[in-house]
């Protein structure tokens, strides 16, 4: 479905959006890290996706990534709402503003790898460009419907649906179980 490199970048986009944007998560209000907490939160979010970019995240780069995360959330929300044109416009803006451009790089003795940022870009610019390109490949490659926002009550975390049947509706098993339990309780209460 998704090339392995693109899948990693989409996972990174999800991780950054879910870490760096306020909202609701698993039935509770979620406030994104701020100030001095941001660099460590970003490092943890990106570490989950094994980014190869060197990370020395200062306050300016952290705020840059917060802005990117908010804009990437717009892409997921537009897709959830069935607004493909709005998603494409948001992705195009991200591509332009991040300076995304494909290039082959070789790190150490490794084989050549496709990257979507310049060799001297900051971590924030490189991550933004890479995530924007992955979202562009999803939206423009017929897999836009795989980008979603959790449908559980009081949760707005995003996800990429990698299931075979494209039936994912929740950001996590916890939200899926919460929703099933609530539906069971409602049926039981209705039956008296």
C-alpha atoms as a PDB file:
ATOM      1  CA  UNK A   1       0.000   0.000   0.000  1.00  0.00           C
ATOM      2  CA  UNK A   2       2.531   2.639   1.136  1.00  0.00           C
ATOM      3  CA  UNK A   3       6.237   2.384   0.338  1.00  0.00           C
ATOM      4  CA  UNK A   4       8.081   1.647   3.607  1.00  0.00           C
ATOM      5  CA  UNK A   5       9.824   5.040   3.642  1.00  0.00           C
ATOM      6  CA  UNK A   6       6.540   6.857   3.016  1.00  0.00           C
ATOM      7  CA  UNK A   7       4.867   4.768   5.733  1.00  0.00           C
ATOM      8  CA  UNK A   8       7.541   5.865   8.225  1.00  0.00           C
ATOM      9  CA  UNK A   9       7.059   9.518   7.237  1.00  0.00           C
ATOM     10  CA  UNK A  10       3.274   9.232   7.557  1.00  0.00           C
ATOM     11  CA  UNK A  11       3.764   7.707  11.004  1.00  0.00           C
ATOM     12  CA  UNK A  12       6.001  10.659  11.844  1.00  0.00           C
ATOM     13  CA  UNK A  13       3.306  13.084  10.655  1.00  0.00           C
ATOM     14  CA  UNK A  14       0.719  11.308  12.850  1.00  0.00           C
ATOM     15  CA  UNK A  15       3.058  11.341  15.837  1.00  0.00           C
ATOM     16  CA  UNK A  16       3.843  15.047  15.449  1.00  0.00           C
ATOM     17  CA  UNK A  17       0.174  16.017  14.988  1.00  0.00           C
ATOM     18  CA  UNK A  18      -0.963  13.949  17.955  1.00  0.00           C
ATOM     19  CA  UNK A  19       1.852  15.213  20.197  1.00  0.00           C
ATOM     20  CA  UNK A  20       1.930  18.884  19.211  1.00  0.00           C
ATOM     21  CA  UNK A  21      -1.737  19.851  18.785  1.00  0.00           C
ATOM     22  CA  UNK A  22      -4.284  20.531  21.509  1.00  0.00           C
ATOM     23  CA  UNK A  23      -7.623  18.764  21.504  1.00  0.00           C
ATOM     24  CA  UNK A  24      -8.959  15.587  23.016  1.00  0.00           C
ATOM     25  CA  UNK A  25      -7.300  12.201  23.412  1.00  0.00           C
ATOM     26  CA  UNK A  26      -8.989   9.005  24.545  1.00  0.00           C
ATOM     27  CA  UNK A  27     -11.894  10.805  26.170  1.00  0.00           C
ATOM     28  CA  UNK A  28      -9.904  13.483  27.966  1.00  0.00           C
ATOM     29  CA  UNK A  29      -8.779  17.012  27.123  1.00  0.00           C
ATOM     30  CA  UNK A  30      -5.262  17.047  25.690  1.00  0.00           C
ATOM     31  CA  UNK A  31      -2.934  20.021  26.001  1.00  0.00           C
ATOM     32  CA  UNK A  32       0.183  19.835  23.856  1.00  0.00           C
ATOM     33  CA  UNK A  33       3.564  20.458  25.459  1.00  0.00           C
ATOM     34  CA  UNK A  34       4.737  24.051  25.451  1.00  0.00           C
ATOM     35  CA  UNK A  35       7.881  26.048  26.086  1.00  0.00           C
ATOM     36  CA  UNK A  36      10.816  24.149  27.562  1.00  0.00           C
ATOM     37  CA  UNK A  37       8.913  20.825  27.283  1.00  0.00           C
ATOM     38  CA  UNK A  38       8.657  21.049  23.490  1.00  0.00           C
ATOM     39  CA  UNK A  39      12.106  19.848  22.356  1.00  0.00           C
ATOM     40  CA  UNK A  40      11.938  16.665  24.443  1.00  0.00           C
ATOM     41  CA  UNK A  41       8.342  16.009  23.368  1.00  0.00           C
ATOM     42  CA  UNK A  42       9.312  16.397  19.709  1.00  0.00           C
ATOM     43  CA  UNK A  43      12.343  14.156  20.153  1.00  0.00           C
ATOM     44  CA  UNK A  44      10.144  11.475  21.750  1.00  0.00           C
ATOM     45  CA  UNK A  45       7.492  11.809  19.022  1.00  0.00           C
ATOM     46  CA  UNK A  46      10.019  11.505  16.223  1.00  0.00           C
ATOM     47  CA  UNK A  47      11.998   8.726  17.944  1.00  0.00           C
ATOM     48  CA  UNK A  48       8.913   6.521  17.662  1.00  0.00           C
ATOM     49  CA  UNK A  49       9.241   6.739  13.890  1.00  0.00           C
ATOM     50  CA  UNK A  50      13.020   6.296  13.625  1.00  0.00           C
ATOM     51  CA  UNK A  51      13.823   9.493  11.723  1.00  0.00           C
ATOM     52  CA  UNK A  52      17.363   9.520  10.363  1.00  0.00           C
ATOM     53  CA  UNK A  53      17.685  13.294  10.592  1.00  0.00           C
ATOM     54  CA  UNK A  54      20.058  14.550  13.286  1.00  0.00           C
ATOM     55  CA  UNK A  55      18.050  16.163  16.075  1.00  0.00           C
ATOM     56  CA  UNK A  56      19.263  19.227  17.877  1.00  0.00           C
ATOM     57  CA  UNK A  57      15.920  20.894  18.458  1.00  0.00           C
ATOM     58  CA  UNK A  58      16.035  24.464  19.737  1.00  0.00           C
ATOM     59  CA  UNK A  59      13.042  26.659  20.626  1.00  0.00           C
ATOM     60  CA  UNK A  60      12.772  28.119  17.112  1.00  0.00           C
ATOM     61  CA  UNK A  61      12.722  24.683  15.456  1.00  0.00           C
ATOM     62  CA  UNK A  62      10.222  23.448  18.043  1.00  0.00           C
ATOM     63  CA  UNK A  63       7.811  26.285  17.239  1.00  0.00           C
ATOM     64  CA  UNK A  64       8.318  25.655  13.504  1.00  0.00           C
ATOM     65  CA  UNK A  65       7.277  22.021  14.016  1.00  0.00           C
ATOM     66  CA  UNK A  66       4.264  23.056  16.111  1.00  0.00           C
ATOM     67  CA  UNK A  67       3.119  25.166  13.158  1.00  0.00           C
ATOM     68  CA  UNK A  68       3.721  22.274  10.765  1.00  0.00           C
ATOM     69  CA  UNK A  69       1.760  19.905  13.023  1.00  0.00           C
ATOM     70  CA  UNK A  70      -1.220  22.270  13.100  1.00  0.00           C
ATOM     71  CA  UNK A  71      -1.168  22.524   9.320  1.00  0.00           C
ATOM     72  CA  UNK A  72      -0.862  18.753   8.904  1.00  0.00           C
ATOM     73  CA  UNK A  73      -3.885  18.336  11.201  1.00  0.00           C
ATOM     74  CA  UNK A  74      -5.837  20.378   8.623  1.00  0.00           C
ATOM     75  CA  UNK A  75      -4.994  17.742   5.996  1.00  0.00           C
ATOM     76  CA  UNK A  76      -6.285  14.879   8.170  1.00  0.00           C
ATOM     77  CA  UNK A  77      -9.417  16.823   9.155  1.00  0.00           C
ATOM     78  CA  UNK A  78     -10.139  17.795   5.555  1.00  0.00           C
ATOM     79  CA  UNK A  79      -9.920  14.150   4.520  1.00  0.00           C
ATOM     80  CA  UNK A  80     -12.163  13.088   7.415  1.00  0.00           C
ATOM     81  CA  UNK A  81     -14.711  15.699   6.298  1.00  0.00           C
ATOM     82  CA  UNK A  82     -14.525  14.546   2.657  1.00  0.00           C
ATOM     83  CA  UNK A  83     -12.909  17.782   1.467  1.00  0.00           C
ATOM     84  CA  UNK A  84     -10.199  16.427  -0.847  1.00  0.00           C
ATOM     85  CA  UNK A  85      -9.607  19.799  -2.546  1.00  0.00           C
ATOM     86  CA  UNK A  86      -8.975  21.474   0.823  1.00  0.00           C
ATOM     87  CA  UNK A  87      -6.578  18.668   1.804  1.00  0.00           C
ATOM     88  CA  UNK A  88      -4.685  19.027  -1.474  1.00  0.00           C
ATOM     89  CA  UNK A  89      -4.450  22.807  -1.057  1.00  0.00           C
ATOM     90  CA  UNK A  90      -3.118  22.401   2.506  1.00  0.00           C
ATOM     91  CA  UNK A  91      -0.543  19.849   1.324  1.00  0.00           C
ATOM     92  CA  UNK A  92       0.559  22.117  -1.530  1.00  0.00           C
ATOM     93  CA  UNK A  93       1.054  24.969   0.949  1.00  0.00           C
ATOM     94  CA  UNK A  94       3.106  22.693   3.214  1.00  0.00           C
ATOM     95  CA  UNK A  95       5.252  21.525   0.297  1.00  0.00           C
ATOM     96  CA  UNK A  96       5.914  25.082  -0.810  1.00  0.00           C
ATOM     97  CA  UNK A  97       6.589  26.502   2.649  1.00  0.00           C
ATOM     98  CA  UNK A  98       8.840  23.629   3.753  1.00  0.00           C
ATOM     99  CA  UNK A  99      10.931  23.765   0.585  1.00  0.00           C
ATOM    100  CA  UNK A 100      10.299  20.076  -0.101  1.00  0.00           C
ATOM    101  CA  UNK A 101      12.375  18.725  -2.945  1.00  0.00           C
ATOM    102  CA  UNK A 102      13.409  15.167  -3.770  1.00  0.00           C
ATOM    103  CA  UNK A 103      17.077  14.213  -3.722  1.00  0.00           C
ATOM    104  CA  UNK A 104      19.208  11.121  -3.308  1.00  0.00           C
ATOM    105  CA  UNK A 105      21.551  11.127  -0.305  1.00  0.00           C
ATOM    106  CA  UNK A 106      24.066   8.641   0.977  1.00  0.00           C
ATOM    107  CA  UNK A 107      24.859   8.572   4.669  1.00  0.00           C
ATOM    108  CA  UNK A 108      28.085   6.820   5.606  1.00  0.00           C
ATOM    109  CA  UNK A 109      28.412   3.480   3.847  1.00  0.00           C
ATOM    110  CA  UNK A 110      24.656   3.088   3.443  1.00  0.00           C
ATOM    111  CA  UNK A 111      22.972   2.754   0.043  1.00  0.00           C
ATOM    112  CA  UNK A 112      21.494   5.791  -1.678  1.00  0.00           C
ATOM    113  CA  UNK A 113      18.213   6.902  -0.117  1.00  0.00           C
ATOM    114  CA  UNK A 114      15.462   9.224  -1.282  1.00  0.00           C
ATOM    115  CA  UNK A 115      15.050  12.281   0.929  1.00  0.00           C
ATOM    116  CA  UNK A 116      12.696  15.211   0.470  1.00  0.00           C
ATOM    117  CA  UNK A 117      14.796  17.972   2.001  1.00  0.00           C
ATOM    118  CA  UNK A 118      18.156  19.581   1.442  1.00  0.00           C
ATOM    119  CA  UNK A 119      21.306  18.126   2.965  1.00  0.00           C
ATOM    120  CA  UNK A 120      21.827  21.256   5.074  1.00  0.00           C
ATOM    121  CA  UNK A 121      18.229  21.858   6.150  1.00  0.00           C
ATOM    122  CA  UNK A 122      17.473  22.083   9.855  1.00  0.00           C
ATOM    123  CA  UNK A 123      15.787  19.136  11.522  1.00  0.00           C
ATOM    124  CA  UNK A 124      12.486  21.059  11.630  1.00  0.00           C
ATOM    125  CA  UNK A 125      12.594  22.017   7.945  1.00  0.00           C
ATOM    126  CA  UNK A 126      13.649  18.523   6.911  1.00  0.00           C
ATOM    127  CA  UNK A 127      10.932  16.831   8.963  1.00  0.00           C
ATOM    128  CA  UNK A 128       8.302  19.258   7.689  1.00  0.00           C
ATOM    129  CA  UNK A 129       9.346  18.709   4.068  1.00  0.00           C
ATOM    130  CA  UNK A 130       9.435  14.935   4.480  1.00  0.00           C
ATOM    131  CA  UNK A 131       6.033  14.736   6.175  1.00  0.00           C
ATOM    132  CA  UNK A 132       4.507  17.112   3.614  1.00  0.00           C
ATOM    133  CA  UNK A 133       5.807  14.930   0.783  1.00  0.00           C
ATOM    134  CA  UNK A 134       4.430  11.767   2.389  1.00  0.00           C
ATOM    135  CA  UNK A 135       1.027  13.439   2.786  1.00  0.00           C
ATOM    136  CA  UNK A 136       1.215  14.558  -0.863  1.00  0.00           C
ATOM    137  CA  UNK A 137       1.905  10.994  -1.965  1.00  0.00           C
ATOM    138  CA  UNK A 138      -1.084   9.765   0.059  1.00  0.00           C
ATOM    139  CA  UNK A 139      -3.498  12.494  -1.077  1.00  0.00           C
ATOM    140  CA  UNK A 140      -2.343  12.439  -4.706  1.00  0.00           C
ATOM    141  CA  UNK A 141      -1.823   8.701  -4.903  1.00  0.00           C
ATOM    142  CA  UNK A 142      -5.345   7.460  -4.350  1.00  0.00           C
ATOM    143  CA  UNK A 143      -4.801   6.658  -0.676  1.00  0.00           C
ATOM    144  CA  UNK A 144      -6.171   9.881   0.781  1.00  0.00           C
ATOM    145  CA  UNK A 145      -9.039   7.972   2.372  1.00  0.00           C
ATOM    146  CA  UNK A 146      -6.462   6.255   4.568  1.00  0.00           C
ATOM    147  CA  UNK A 147      -5.896   9.502   6.503  1.00  0.00           C
ATOM    148  CA  UNK A 148      -8.350   9.817   9.361  1.00  0.00           C
ATOM    149  CA  UNK A 149      -9.382  11.422  12.627  1.00  0.00           C
ATOM    150  CA  UNK A 150     -10.512   9.183  15.490  1.00  0.00           C
ATOM    151  CA  UNK A 151     -14.289   8.720  15.547  1.00  0.00           C
ATOM    152  CA  UNK A 152     -14.477   7.919  19.242  1.00  0.00           C
ATOM    153  CA  UNK A 153     -16.397  10.319  21.426  1.00  0.00           C
ATOM    154  CA  UNK A 154     -14.105  13.015  22.825  1.00  0.00           C
ATOM    155  CA  UNK A 155     -11.023  12.102  20.782  1.00  0.00           C
ATOM    156  CA  UNK A 156      -9.564  13.957  17.834  1.00  0.00           C
ATOM    157  CA  UNK A 157      -6.222  12.208  17.418  1.00  0.00           C
ATOM    158  CA  UNK A 158      -5.248  11.353  13.826  1.00  0.00           C
ATOM    159  CA  UNK A 159      -4.142   8.067  12.241  1.00  0.00           C
ATOM    160  CA  UNK A 160      -3.152   6.431   8.964  1.00  0.00           C
ATOM    161  CA  UNK A 161      -5.252   3.382   8.129  1.00  0.00           C
ATOM    162  CA  UNK A 162      -2.954   0.558   7.065  1.00  0.00           C
ATOM    163  CA  UNK A 163      -5.572  -2.178   7.438  1.00  0.00           C
ATOM    164  CA  UNK A 164      -6.270  -4.444   4.475  1.00  0.00           C
ATOM    165  CA  UNK A 165      -9.929  -3.482   4.221  1.00  0.00           C
ATOM    166  CA  UNK A 166      -9.567   0.263   4.927  1.00  0.00           C
ATOM    167  CA  UNK A 167     -12.026   0.010   7.819  1.00  0.00           C
ATOM    168  CA  UNK A 168     -10.079   1.698  10.617  1.00  0.00           C
ATOM    169  CA  UNK A 169     -12.053   4.345  12.506  1.00  0.00           C
ATOM    170  CA  UNK A 170     -10.088   4.880  15.706  1.00  0.00           C
ATOM    171  CA  UNK A 171      -6.676   6.196  16.674  1.00  0.00           C
ATOM    172  CA  UNK A 172      -6.074   3.327  19.075  1.00  0.00           C
ATOM    173  CA  UNK A 173      -7.435   0.100  20.467  1.00  0.00           C
ATOM    174  CA  UNK A 174      -8.259   2.023  23.652  1.00  0.00           C
ATOM    175  CA  UNK A 175     -10.646   4.321  21.761  1.00  0.00           C
ATOM    176  CA  UNK A 176     -12.152   1.392  19.879  1.00  0.00           C
ATOM    177  CA  UNK A 177     -12.763  -0.472  23.160  1.00  0.00           C
ATOM    178  CA  UNK A 178     -14.179   2.661  24.826  1.00  0.00           C
ATOM    179  CA  UNK A 179     -16.649   3.066  21.953  1.00  0.00           C
ATOM    180  CA  UNK A 180     -17.681  -0.603  21.993  1.00  0.00           C
ATOM    181  CA  UNK A 181     -18.182  -0.533  25.769  1.00  0.00           C
ATOM    182  CA  UNK A 182     -20.328   2.611  25.543  1.00  0.00           C
ATOM    183  CA  UNK A 183     -22.438   1.046  22.783  1.00  0.00           C
ATOM    184  CA  UNK A 184     -22.873  -2.120  24.872  1.00  0.00           C
ATOM    185  CA  UNK A 185     -23.954  -0.106  27.927  1.00  0.00           C
ATOM    186  CA  UNK A 186     -26.412   1.908  25.805  1.00  0.00           C
ATOM    187  CA  UNK A 187     -27.975  -1.278  24.378  1.00  0.00           C
ATOM    188  CA  UNK A 188     -28.169  -2.872  27.815  1.00  0.00           C
ATOM    189  CA  UNK A 189     -29.789   0.238  29.321  1.00  0.00           C
ATOM    190  CA  UNK A 190     -32.254   0.450  26.414  1.00  0.00           C
ATOM    191  CA  UNK A 191     -33.290  -3.171  26.924  1.00  0.00           C
ATOM    192  CA  UNK A 192     -34.067  -2.313  30.482  1.00  0.00           C
END
